[in-house]
Protein backbone atom coordinates (compact mmCIF):
# COMPACT_ATOMS: atom_id res chain seq x y z
CA MET A 1 17.81 -11.86 5.28
CA SER A 2 15.91 -12.28 8.39
CA LYS A 3 16.22 -8.33 8.93
CA LEU A 4 12.65 -5.95 9.99
CA ILE A 5 11.92 -3.92 6.81
CA SER A 6 8.88 -1.00 5.96
CA LEU A 7 7.85 -0.66 2.25
CA ARG A 8 5.54 2.19 2.22
CA LEU A 9 3.58 2.46 -1.26
CA TYR A 10 2.66 5.81 -2.05
CA PHE A 11 -0.31 6.00 -4.82
CA HIS A 12 -3.19 8.26 -5.47
CA HIS A 13 -6.82 7.51 -3.50
CA SER A 14 -8.77 7.31 -6.51
CA GLU A 15 -6.36 3.97 -7.64
CA ARG A 16 -8.52 0.42 -7.95
CA ALA A 17 -6.99 -2.91 -7.99
CA HIS A 18 -5.95 -4.44 -12.01
CA ALA A 19 -8.76 -6.49 -12.56
CA HIS A 20 -7.38 -9.85 -13.99
CA HIS A 21 -9.08 -12.59 -16.13
CA THR A 22 -9.14 -15.00 -13.58
CA THR A 23 -10.49 -12.89 -10.86
CA ARG A 24 -14.20 -13.98 -10.03
CA PHE A 25 -17.09 -11.70 -11.90
CA TRP A 26 -18.10 -9.11 -9.36
CA HIS A 27 -14.07 -8.23 -8.43
CA ARG A 28 -13.48 -7.29 -12.05
CA LEU A 29 -16.74 -5.73 -12.35
CA THR A 30 -16.57 -3.35 -8.65
CA ARG A 31 -12.16 -3.57 -8.54
CA PRO A 32 -12.00 -2.68 -4.93
CA THR A 33 -9.33 0.43 -3.81
CA LEU A 34 -5.75 -0.49 -4.03
CA ALA A 35 -5.82 0.49 -0.22
CA ARG A 36 -8.02 -2.48 0.40
CA HIS A 37 -7.19 -4.62 -2.11
CA LEU A 38 -3.34 -4.56 -0.65
CA LEU A 39 -4.37 -4.97 2.55
CA ASN A 40 -6.12 -7.61 1.70
CA HIS A 41 -3.63 -9.50 -0.20
CA ALA A 42 -0.91 -8.61 2.94
CA LYS A 43 -3.23 -9.81 5.79
CA ARG A 44 -3.71 -13.27 3.47
CA ALA A 45 0.23 -13.26 2.87
CA GLY A 46 0.70 -12.88 6.84
CA ILE A 47 2.64 -9.81 6.70
CA GLU A 48 3.11 -8.78 10.02
CA GLN A 49 2.04 -5.75 10.45
CA ALA A 50 -0.10 -2.96 7.09
CA VAL A 51 -0.99 0.02 8.29
CA LEU A 52 -2.74 2.57 5.84
CA HIS A 53 -1.61 6.49 6.96
CA ARG A 54 -3.82 8.85 7.84
CA VAL A 55 -2.80 11.60 5.20
CA HIS A 56 -4.01 15.32 5.79
CA ALA A 57 -2.31 16.96 2.96
CA GLY A 58 0.29 16.40 0.40
CA TYR A 59 1.12 15.58 -3.10
CA LEU A 60 2.38 12.50 -5.12
CA ASN A 61 4.38 12.74 -8.25
CA GLY A 62 4.26 16.94 -8.60
CA ASP A 63 0.78 17.44 -8.58
CA ARG A 64 -0.84 20.40 -6.67
CA LEU A 65 -0.84 20.54 -2.98
CA HIS A 66 -3.91 18.36 -1.86
CA HIS A 67 -5.98 18.66 2.20
CA GLU A 68 -8.03 16.14 3.07
CA HIS A 69 -11.71 17.59 3.49
CA VAL A 70 -14.55 16.00 5.67
CA GLU A 71 -16.74 15.69 2.81
CA ALA A 72 -14.67 13.90 0.19
CA ALA A 73 -11.02 13.14 -1.09
CA HIS A 74 -9.69 14.80 -4.66
CA HIS A 75 -9.38 11.89 -6.39
CA ARG A 76 -5.26 12.95 -6.93
CA PHE A 77 -5.29 13.07 -3.01
CA PRO A 78 -1.89 10.88 -1.75
CA HIS A 79 -2.66 7.56 0.17
CA CYS A 80 0.65 5.83 2.01
CA ILE A 81 0.25 2.05 3.17
CA GLU A 82 3.23 1.03 5.13
CA LEU A 83 4.04 -3.01 5.52
CA ILE A 84 6.25 -4.17 8.19
CA ASP A 85 8.21 -7.48 8.31
CA LEU A 86 11.00 -10.11 7.53
CA GLU A 87 12.83 -7.91 4.61
CA SER A 88 12.46 -11.40 2.29
CA LYS A 89 8.12 -11.57 3.28
CA VAL A 90 7.96 -8.19 2.13
CA ARG A 91 10.45 -8.38 -0.99
CA GLU A 92 7.76 -11.68 -1.88
CA PHE A 93 4.76 -9.94 -1.20
CA TRP A 94 5.77 -6.93 -3.28
CA GLY A 95 7.54 -9.65 -6.03
CA THR A 96 3.50 -11.10 -6.27
CA HIS A 97 1.62 -8.00 -5.96
CA GLY A 98 3.46 -4.78 -7.40
CA LYS A 99 3.19 -6.14 -11.38
CA GLY A 100 1.47 -3.71 -13.25
CA LEU A 101 1.32 -1.23 -10.63
CA GLN A 102 2.74 1.79 -12.68
CA ASN A 103 0.79 4.20 -10.64
CA VAL A 104 2.69 3.41 -6.91
CA ARG A 105 6.04 4.86 -5.71
CA ALA A 106 7.34 2.25 -3.49
CA VAL A 107 9.77 2.36 -0.99
CA PHE A 108 11.89 -0.10 0.96
CA LEU A 109 13.88 0.96 3.95
CA PRO A 110 15.06 -0.75 6.74
CA CYS A 111 14.07 -1.20 10.61
CA GLU A 112 15.95 -0.44 13.75
CA GLY A 113 13.60 -2.99 15.65
CA ALA A 114 14.01 -0.98 19.82
CA ALA A 115 14.99 -4.06 22.97
CA VAL A 116 11.68 -4.83 24.53
CA GLU A 117 12.66 -5.80 28.39
CA GLY A 118 10.50 -8.91 30.19
């Protein structure tokens, strides 16, 4: 499994990271956004590329359509994080960090890399 793969994670703007009994007190008390939590863990895991896509409009799971607003995001506004790396590395990351995330839709997509001339 040495090919590149993309993992797209779709979830609501208001989703928070789940606190575990082994996490620091402050983390349990403040619970960071799920987007920040996943991006930080992707960086620590050495994932080659992690991007929080800017969403202008959309919906998840049959919700009503939500549009971007300059002042505030609706709590059910969609977010999308994309991780790209070797398939084995991305699947290992999701196996570790995807547990207990019932409100996240994970989609694995194969990648075709363009040849770079040197």
